[in-house]
């Protein structure tokens, strides 16, 4: 079986959620990754950025986004192999 990987990116949270739900209905595996280049920050205050980050973490927790990671330390080592130092 060949693996096909599709990357979806955007800033519209509602639209990205719909894409995620559609993929789940199709029985596809969904993984979340941070972009290699950080998205530019808006002119938000630091407290708003902190609130946004906490909200994102809580959303990932609700989605159980990391359920497939059996060994977090090994997973992190694997990620670091791909990154040039």
PDB file of N, CA and C in Angstrom:
ATOM      1  N   UNK A   1       0.846  -1.177   0.000  1.00  0.00           N
ATOM      2  CA  UNK A   1       0.000   0.000   0.000  1.00  0.00           C
ATOM      3  C   UNK A   1       0.891   1.240   0.000  1.00  0.00           C
ATOM      4  N   UNK A   2       0.627   2.163  -0.898  1.00  0.00           N
ATOM      5  CA  UNK A   2       1.402   3.395  -0.987  1.00  0.00           C
ATOM      6  C   UNK A   2       0.799   4.437  -0.065  1.00  0.00           C
ATOM      7  N   UNK A   3       1.662   5.231   0.528  1.00  0.00           N
ATOM      8  CA  UNK A   3       1.241   6.299   1.424  1.00  0.00           C
ATOM      9  C   UNK A   3       1.117   7.589   0.640  1.00  0.00           C
ATOM     10  N   UNK A   4       0.030   8.269   0.815  1.00  0.00           N
ATOM     11  CA  UNK A   4      -0.188   9.576   0.199  1.00  0.00           C
ATOM     12  C   UNK A   4      -0.342  10.578   1.321  1.00  0.00           C
ATOM     13  N   UNK A   5       0.427  11.639   1.244  1.00  0.00           N
ATOM     14  CA  UNK A   5       0.373  12.661   2.284  1.00  0.00           C
ATOM     15  C   UNK A   5      -0.127  13.960   1.671  1.00  0.00           C
ATOM     16  N   UNK A   6      -1.084  14.575   2.332  1.00  0.00           N
ATOM     17  CA  UNK A   6      -1.645  15.844   1.882  1.00  0.00           C
ATOM     18  C   UNK A   6      -1.454  16.857   2.988  1.00  0.00           C
ATOM     19  N   UNK A   7      -0.986  18.028   2.631  1.00  0.00           N
ATOM     20  CA  UNK A   7      -0.803  19.102   3.599  1.00  0.00           C
ATOM     21  C   UNK A   7      -1.875  20.159   3.372  1.00  0.00           C
ATOM     22  N   UNK A   8      -2.529  20.544   4.447  1.00  0.00           N
ATOM     23  CA  UNK A   8      -3.537  21.591   4.392  1.00  0.00           C
ATOM     24  C   UNK A   8      -3.104  22.683   5.358  1.00  0.00           C
ATOM     25  N   UNK A   9      -3.111  23.922   4.886  1.00  0.00           N
ATOM     26  CA  UNK A   9      -2.729  25.007   5.771  1.00  0.00           C
ATOM     27  C   UNK A   9      -3.674  26.180   5.570  1.00  0.00           C
ATOM     28  N   UNK A  10      -3.733  27.018   6.559  1.00  0.00           N
ATOM     29  CA  UNK A  10      -4.589  28.187   6.480  1.00  0.00           C
ATOM     30  C   UNK A  10      -4.728  28.829   7.833  1.00  0.00           C
ATOM     31  N   UNK A  11      -5.443  29.929   7.861  1.00  0.00           N
ATOM     32  CA  UNK A  11      -5.635  30.638   9.117  1.00  0.00           C
ATOM     33  C   UNK A  11      -7.091  30.641   9.556  1.00  0.00           C
ATOM     34  N   UNK A  12      -7.998  30.171   8.715  1.00  0.00           N
ATOM     35  CA  UNK A  12      -9.424  30.124   9.041  1.00  0.00           C
ATOM     36  C   UNK A  12      -9.702  28.852   9.843  1.00  0.00           C
ATOM     37  N   UNK A  13      -9.783  28.995  11.167  1.00  0.00           N
ATOM     38  CA  UNK A  13      -9.952  27.849  12.057  1.00  0.00           C
ATOM     39  C   UNK A  13     -11.207  27.032  11.728  1.00  0.00           C
ATOM     40  N   UNK A  14     -12.295  27.706  11.421  1.00  0.00           N
ATOM     41  CA  UNK A  14     -13.554  27.008  11.134  1.00  0.00           C
ATOM     42  C   UNK A  14     -13.423  26.162   9.871  1.00  0.00           C
ATOM     43  N   UNK A  15     -12.801  26.701   8.854  1.00  0.00           N
ATOM     44  CA  UNK A  15     -12.628  25.968   7.607  1.00  0.00           C
ATOM     45  C   UNK A  15     -11.686  24.781   7.791  1.00  0.00           C
ATOM     46  N   UNK A  16     -10.600  24.980   8.521  1.00  0.00           N
ATOM     47  CA  UNK A  16      -9.666  23.886   8.791  1.00  0.00           C
ATOM     48  C   UNK A  16     -10.348  22.776   9.591  1.00  0.00           C
ATOM     49  N   UNK A  17     -11.219  23.143  10.511  1.00  0.00           N
ATOM     50  CA  UNK A  17     -11.956  22.151  11.302  1.00  0.00           C
ATOM     51  C   UNK A  17     -12.867  21.329  10.392  1.00  0.00           C
ATOM     52  N   UNK A  18     -13.509  21.979   9.422  1.00  0.00           N
ATOM     53  CA  UNK A  18     -14.370  21.259   8.478  1.00  0.00           C
ATOM     54  C   UNK A  18     -13.566  20.263   7.644  1.00  0.00           C
ATOM     55  N   UNK A  19     -12.377  20.666   7.219  1.00  0.00           N
ATOM     56  CA  UNK A  19     -11.515  19.769   6.454  1.00  0.00           C
ATOM     57  C   UNK A  19     -11.136  18.562   7.311  1.00  0.00           C
ATOM     58  N   UNK A  20     -10.816  18.822   8.563  1.00  0.00           N
ATOM     59  CA  UNK A  20     -10.457  17.739   9.492  1.00  0.00           C
ATOM     60  C   UNK A  20     -11.626  16.768   9.676  1.00  0.00           C
ATOM     61  N   UNK A  21     -12.819  17.300   9.864  1.00  0.00           N
ATOM     62  CA  UNK A  21     -14.002  16.459  10.047  1.00  0.00           C
ATOM     63  C   UNK A  21     -14.296  15.641   8.798  1.00  0.00           C
ATOM     64  N   UNK A  22     -14.116  16.241   7.631  1.00  0.00           N
ATOM     65  CA  UNK A  22     -14.335  15.534   6.380  1.00  0.00           C
ATOM     66  C   UNK A  22     -13.350  14.381   6.239  1.00  0.00           C
ATOM     67  N   UNK A  23     -12.091  14.628   6.558  1.00  0.00           N
ATOM     68  CA  UNK A  23     -11.068  13.583   6.486  1.00  0.00           C
ATOM     69  C   UNK A  23     -11.413  12.432   7.428  1.00  0.00           C
ATOM     70  N   UNK A  24     -11.902  12.756   8.614  1.00  0.00           N
ATOM     71  CA  UNK A  24     -12.283  11.721   9.582  1.00  0.00           C
ATOM     72  C   UNK A  24     -13.437  10.878   9.040  1.00  0.00           C
ATOM     73  N   UNK A  25     -14.409  11.526   8.402  1.00  0.00           N
ATOM     74  CA  UNK A  25     -15.539  10.778   7.821  1.00  0.00           C
ATOM     75  C   UNK A  25     -15.081   9.844   6.721  1.00  0.00           C
ATOM     76  N   UNK A  26     -14.016  10.212   6.029  1.00  0.00           N
ATOM     77  CA  UNK A  26     -13.472   9.361   4.978  1.00  0.00           C
ATOM     78  C   UNK A  26     -12.589   8.244   5.546  1.00  0.00           C
ATOM     79  N   UNK A  27     -12.365   8.279   6.842  1.00  0.00           N
ATOM     80  CA  UNK A  27     -11.532   7.264   7.484  1.00  0.00           C
ATOM     81  C   UNK A  27     -10.050   7.522   7.321  1.00  0.00           C
ATOM     82  N   UNK A  28      -9.678   8.752   7.053  1.00  0.00           N
ATOM     83  CA  UNK A  28      -8.278   9.096   6.874  1.00  0.00           C
ATOM     84  C   UNK A  28      -7.638   9.454   8.212  1.00  0.00           C
ATOM     85  N   UNK A  29      -6.356   9.179   8.311  1.00  0.00           N
ATOM     86  CA  UNK A  29      -5.610   9.532   9.514  1.00  0.00           C
ATOM     87  C   UNK A  29      -5.236  11.009   9.433  1.00  0.00           C
ATOM     88  N   UNK A  30      -5.433  11.727  10.516  1.00  0.00           N
ATOM     89  CA  UNK A  30      -5.136  13.156  10.546  1.00  0.00           C
ATOM     90  C   UNK A  30      -4.031  13.400  11.559  1.00  0.00           C
ATOM     91  N   UNK A  31      -2.992  14.111  11.134  1.00  0.00           N
ATOM     92  CA  UNK A  31      -1.903  14.478  12.027  1.00  0.00           C
ATOM     93  C   UNK A  31      -1.725  15.983  11.956  1.00  0.00           C
ATOM     94  N   UNK A  32      -1.346  16.569  13.062  1.00  0.00           N
ATOM     95  CA  UNK A  32      -1.145  18.009  13.130  1.00  0.00           C
ATOM     96  C   UNK A  32       0.339  18.300  13.262  1.00  0.00           C
ATOM     97  N   UNK A  33       0.789  19.274  12.507  1.00  0.00           N
ATOM     98  CA  UNK A  33       2.189  19.707  12.590  1.00  0.00           C
ATOM     99  C   UNK A  33       2.229  21.217  12.557  1.00  0.00           C
ATOM    100  N   UNK A  34       3.213  21.746  13.207  1.00  0.00           N
ATOM    101  CA  UNK A  34       3.439  23.191  13.136  1.00  0.00           C
ATOM    102  C   UNK A  34       4.157  23.478  11.820  1.00  0.00           C
ATOM    103  N   UNK A  35       3.869  24.613  11.216  1.00  0.00           N
ATOM    104  CA  UNK A  35       4.614  24.970  10.009  1.00  0.00           C
ATOM    105  C   UNK A  35       6.084  25.188  10.326  1.00  0.00           C
ATOM    106  N   UNK A  36       6.955  24.903   9.358  1.00  0.00           N
ATOM    107  CA  UNK A  36       8.387  25.095   9.593  1.00  0.00           C
ATOM    108  C   UNK A  36       8.704  26.563   9.861  1.00  0.00           C
ATOM    109  N   UNK A  37       8.083  27.434   9.105  1.00  0.00           N
ATOM    110  CA  UNK A  37       8.240  28.866   9.354  1.00  0.00           C
ATOM    111  C   UNK A  37       7.059  29.322  10.188  1.00  0.00           C
ATOM    112  N   UNK A  38       7.307  29.971  11.306  1.00  0.00           N
ATOM    113  CA  UNK A  38       6.175  30.433  12.106  1.00  0.00           C
ATOM    114  C   UNK A  38       5.363  31.474  11.335  1.00  0.00           C
ATOM    115  N   UNK A  39       4.064  31.419  11.519  1.00  0.00           N
ATOM    116  CA  UNK A  39       3.198  32.409  10.895  1.00  0.00           C
ATOM    117  C   UNK A  39       3.459  33.764  11.525  1.00  0.00           C
ATOM    118  N   UNK A  40       3.372  34.829  10.750  1.00  0.00           N
ATOM    119  CA  UNK A  40       3.626  36.148  11.333  1.00  0.00           C
ATOM    120  C   UNK A  40       2.611  36.471  12.421  1.00  0.00           C
ATOM    121  N   UNK A  41       3.102  37.056  13.499  1.00  0.00           N
ATOM    122  CA  UNK A  41       2.221  37.433  14.597  1.00  0.00           C
ATOM    123  C   UNK A  41       1.479  38.716  14.257  1.00  0.00           C
ATOM    124  N   UNK A  42       0.265  38.781  14.697  1.00  0.00           N
ATOM    125  CA  UNK A  42      -0.493  40.010  14.490  1.00  0.00           C
ATOM    126  C   UNK A  42      -0.083  41.014  15.570  1.00  0.00           C
ATOM    127  N   UNK A  43      -0.746  42.096  15.635  1.00  0.00           N
ATOM    128  CA  UNK A  43      -0.433  43.132  16.627  1.00  0.00           C
ATOM    129  C   UNK A  43      -1.153  42.874  17.943  1.00  0.00           C
ATOM    130  N   UNK A  44      -1.357  41.630  18.281  1.00  0.00           N
ATOM    131  CA  UNK A  44      -2.018  41.287  19.542  1.00  0.00           C
ATOM    132  C   UNK A  44      -1.099  41.590  20.716  1.00  0.00           C
ATOM    133  N   UNK A  45      -1.712  41.787  21.839  1.00  0.00           N
ATOM    134  CA  UNK A  45      -0.938  41.935  23.070  1.00  0.00           C
ATOM    135  C   UNK A  45      -0.445  40.561  23.490  1.00  0.00           C
ATOM    136  N   UNK A  46       0.604  40.534  24.319  1.00  0.00           N
ATOM    137  CA  UNK A  46       1.151  39.261  24.778  1.00  0.00           C
ATOM    138  C   UNK A  46       0.112  38.422  25.506  1.00  0.00           C
ATOM    139  N   UNK A  47      -0.760  39.057  26.275  1.00  0.00           N
ATOM    140  CA  UNK A  47      -1.772  38.301  27.008  1.00  0.00           C
ATOM    141  C   UNK A  47      -2.757  37.631  26.045  1.00  0.00           C
ATOM    142  N   UNK A  48      -3.061  38.305  24.925  1.00  0.00           N
ATOM    143  CA  UNK A  48      -3.948  37.707  23.924  1.00  0.00           C
ATOM    144  C   UNK A  48      -3.256  36.541  23.235  1.00  0.00           C
ATOM    145  N   UNK A  49      -1.954  36.670  22.959  1.00  0.00           N
ATOM    146  CA  UNK A  49      -1.199  35.582  22.362  1.00  0.00           C
ATOM    147  C   UNK A  49      -1.175  34.373  23.303  1.00  0.00           C
ATOM    148  N   UNK A  50      -0.978  34.643  24.590  1.00  0.00           N
ATOM    149  CA  UNK A  50      -0.955  33.564  25.578  1.00  0.00           C
ATOM    150  C   UNK A  50      -2.309  32.869  25.621  1.00  0.00           C
ATOM    151  N   UNK A  51      -3.388  33.649  25.612  1.00  0.00           N
ATOM    152  CA  UNK A  51      -4.731  33.073  25.634  1.00  0.00           C
ATOM    153  C   UNK A  51      -4.983  32.234  24.384  1.00  0.00           C
ATOM    154  N   UNK A  52      -4.520  32.721  23.237  1.00  0.00           N
ATOM    155  CA  UNK A  52      -4.689  31.984  21.985  1.00  0.00           C
ATOM    156  C   UNK A  52      -3.923  30.662  22.032  1.00  0.00           C
ATOM    157  N   UNK A  53      -2.711  30.699  22.571  1.00  0.00           N
ATOM    158  CA  UNK A  53      -1.905  29.486  22.674  1.00  0.00           C
ATOM    159  C   UNK A  53      -2.569  28.476  23.605  1.00  0.00           C
ATOM    160  N   UNK A  54      -3.061  28.944  24.743  1.00  0.00           N
ATOM    161  CA  UNK A  54      -3.735  28.039  25.676  1.00  0.00           C
ATOM    162  C   UNK A  54      -4.990  27.442  25.044  1.00  0.00           C
ATOM    163  N   UNK A  55      -5.718  28.254  24.297  1.00  0.00           N
ATOM    164  CA  UNK A  55      -6.921  27.769  23.615  1.00  0.00           C
ATOM    165  C   UNK A  55      -6.566  26.683  22.599  1.00  0.00           C
ATOM    166  N   UNK A  56      -5.476  26.892  21.858  1.00  0.00           N
ATOM    167  CA  UNK A  56      -5.037  25.902  20.872  1.00  0.00           C
ATOM    168  C   UNK A  56      -4.633  24.598  21.548  1.00  0.00           C
ATOM    169  N   UNK A  57      -3.917  24.696  22.659  1.00  0.00           N
ATOM    170  CA  UNK A  57      -3.505  23.493  23.394  1.00  0.00           C
ATOM    171  C   UNK A  57      -4.731  22.749  23.918  1.00  0.00           C
ATOM    172  N   UNK A  58      -5.691  23.479  24.452  1.00  0.00           N
ATOM    173  CA  UNK A  58      -6.913  22.844  24.944  1.00  0.00           C
ATOM    174  C   UNK A  58      -7.680  22.164  23.814  1.00  0.00           C
ATOM    175  N   UNK A  59      -7.687  22.778  22.640  1.00  0.00           N
ATOM    176  CA  UNK A  59      -8.378  22.194  21.488  1.00  0.00           C
ATOM    177  C   UNK A  59      -7.691  20.902  21.047  1.00  0.00           C
ATOM    178  N   UNK A  60      -6.363  20.905  21.030  1.00  0.00           N
ATOM    179  CA  UNK A  60      -5.624  19.697  20.681  1.00  0.00           C
ATOM    180  C   UNK A  60      -5.885  18.586  21.692  1.00  0.00           C
ATOM    181  N   UNK A  61      -6.006  18.962  22.953  1.00  0.00           N
ATOM    182  CA  UNK A  61      -6.308  17.980  23.992  1.00  0.00           C
ATOM    183  C   UNK A  61      -7.694  17.372  23.765  1.00  0.00           C
ATOM    184  N   UNK A  62      -8.676  18.212  23.450  1.00  0.00           N
ATOM    185  CA  UNK A  62     -10.031  17.713  23.188  1.00  0.00           C
ATOM    186  C   UNK A  62     -10.054  16.769  21.997  1.00  0.00           C
ATOM    187  N   UNK A  63      -9.258  17.080  20.974  1.00  0.00           N
ATOM    188  CA  UNK A  63      -9.216  16.254  19.768  1.00  0.00           C
ATOM    189  C   UNK A  63      -8.391  14.987  19.967  1.00  0.00           C
ATOM    190  N   UNK A  64      -7.688  14.909  21.088  1.00  0.00           N
ATOM    191  CA  UNK A  64      -6.781  13.793  21.360  1.00  0.00           C
ATOM    192  C   UNK A  64      -5.807  13.636  20.192  1.00  0.00           C
ATOM    193  N   UNK A  65      -5.246  14.762  19.769  1.00  0.00           N
ATOM    194  CA  UNK A  65      -4.432  14.830  18.563  1.00  0.00           C
ATOM    195  C   UNK A  65      -3.153  14.002  18.639  1.00  0.00           C
ATOM    196  N   UNK A  66      -2.688  13.703  19.814  1.00  0.00           N
ATOM    197  CA  UNK A  66      -1.421  12.995  19.955  1.00  0.00           C
ATOM    198  C   UNK A  66      -1.603  11.558  20.425  1.00  0.00           C
ATOM    199  N   UNK A  67      -2.786  11.013  20.232  1.00  0.00           N
ATOM    200  CA  UNK A  67      -3.085   9.670  20.728  1.00  0.00           C
ATOM    201  C   UNK A  67      -2.226   8.588  20.090  1.00  0.00           C
ATOM    202  N   UNK A  68      -1.735   8.816  18.874  1.00  0.00           N
ATOM    203  CA  UNK A  68      -0.944   7.810  18.180  1.00  0.00           C
ATOM    204  C   UNK A  68       0.525   7.808  18.581  1.00  0.00           C
ATOM    205  N   UNK A  69       0.927   8.746  19.426  1.00  0.00           N
ATOM    206  CA  UNK A  69       2.327   8.824  19.852  1.00  0.00           C
ATOM    207  C   UNK A  69       2.500   7.944  21.080  1.00  0.00           C
ATOM    208  N   UNK A  70       3.117   6.780  20.855  1.00  0.00           N
ATOM    209  CA  UNK A  70       3.300   5.839  21.959  1.00  0.00           C
ATOM    210  C   UNK A  70       4.469   6.222  22.859  1.00  0.00           C
ATOM    211  N   UNK A  71       5.553   6.693  22.248  1.00  0.00           N
ATOM    212  CA  UNK A  71       6.755   7.052  23.007  1.00  0.00           C
ATOM    213  C   UNK A  71       7.132   8.496  22.656  1.00  0.00           C
ATOM    214  N   UNK A  72       6.711   9.471  23.483  1.00  0.00           N
ATOM    215  CA  UNK A  72       6.959  10.884  23.152  1.00  0.00           C
ATOM    216  C   UNK A  72       8.441  11.221  22.954  1.00  0.00           C
ATOM    217  N   UNK A  73       9.327  10.626  23.742  1.00  0.00           N
ATOM    218  CA  UNK A  73      10.753  10.921  23.611  1.00  0.00           C
ATOM    219  C   UNK A  73      11.282  10.446  22.257  1.00  0.00           C
ATOM    220  N   UNK A  74      10.885   9.256  21.840  1.00  0.00           N
ATOM    221  CA  UNK A  74      11.305   8.727  20.537  1.00  0.00           C
ATOM    222  C   UNK A  74      10.723   9.583  19.410  1.00  0.00           C
ATOM    223  N   UNK A  75       9.462   9.974  19.562  1.00  0.00           N
ATOM    224  CA  UNK A  75       8.786  10.823  18.570  1.00  0.00           C
ATOM    225  C   UNK A  75       9.546  12.141  18.385  1.00  0.00           C
ATOM    226  N   UNK A  76       9.959  12.735  19.500  1.00  0.00           N
ATOM    227  CA  UNK A  76      10.694  13.997  19.424  1.00  0.00           C
ATOM    228  C   UNK A  76      12.055  13.807  18.759  1.00  0.00           C
ATOM    229  N   UNK A  77      12.751  12.708  19.082  1.00  0.00           N
ATOM    230  CA  UNK A  77      14.045  12.434  18.438  1.00  0.00           C
ATOM    231  C   UNK A  77      13.874  12.288  16.931  1.00  0.00           C
ATOM    232  N   UNK A  78      12.806  11.601  16.518  1.00  0.00           N
ATOM    233  CA  UNK A  78      12.536  11.423  15.083  1.00  0.00           C
ATOM    234  C   UNK A  78      12.306  12.774  14.409  1.00  0.00           C
ATOM    235  N   UNK A  79      11.571  13.659  15.052  1.00  0.00           N
ATOM    236  CA  UNK A  79      11.319  14.984  14.483  1.00  0.00           C
ATOM    237  C   UNK A  79      12.614  15.764  14.317  1.00  0.00           C
ATOM    238  N   UNK A  80      13.474  15.650  15.288  1.00  0.00           N
ATOM    239  CA  UNK A  80      14.717  16.421  15.259  1.00  0.00           C
ATOM    240  C   UNK A  80      15.676  15.916  14.180  1.00  0.00           C
ATOM    241  N   UNK A  81      15.539  14.664  13.762  1.00  0.00           N
ATOM    242  CA  UNK A  81      16.386  14.144  12.695  1.00  0.00           C
ATOM    243  C   UNK A  81      16.144  14.895  11.397  1.00  0.00           C
ATOM    244  N   UNK A  82      14.909  15.308  11.160  1.00  0.00           N
ATOM    245  CA  UNK A  82      14.556  15.978   9.914  1.00  0.00           C
ATOM    246  C   UNK A  82      15.019  17.422   9.867  1.00  0.00           C
ATOM    247  N   UNK A  83      15.354  17.978  10.990  1.00  0.00           N
ATOM    248  CA  UNK A  83      15.674  19.396  11.072  1.00  0.00           C
ATOM    249  C   UNK A  83      17.189  19.602  11.006  1.00  0.00           C
ATOM    250  N   UNK A  84      17.633  20.479  10.147  1.00  0.00           N
ATOM    251  CA  UNK A  84      19.057  20.782  10.083  1.00  0.00           C
ATOM    252  C   UNK A  84      19.428  21.700  11.240  1.00  0.00           C
ATOM    253  N   UNK A  85      20.553  21.413  11.844  1.00  0.00           N
ATOM    254  CA  UNK A  85      20.975  22.191  13.007  1.00  0.00           C
ATOM    255  C   UNK A  85      21.970  23.264  12.633  1.00  0.00           C
TER     256      UNK A  85
END
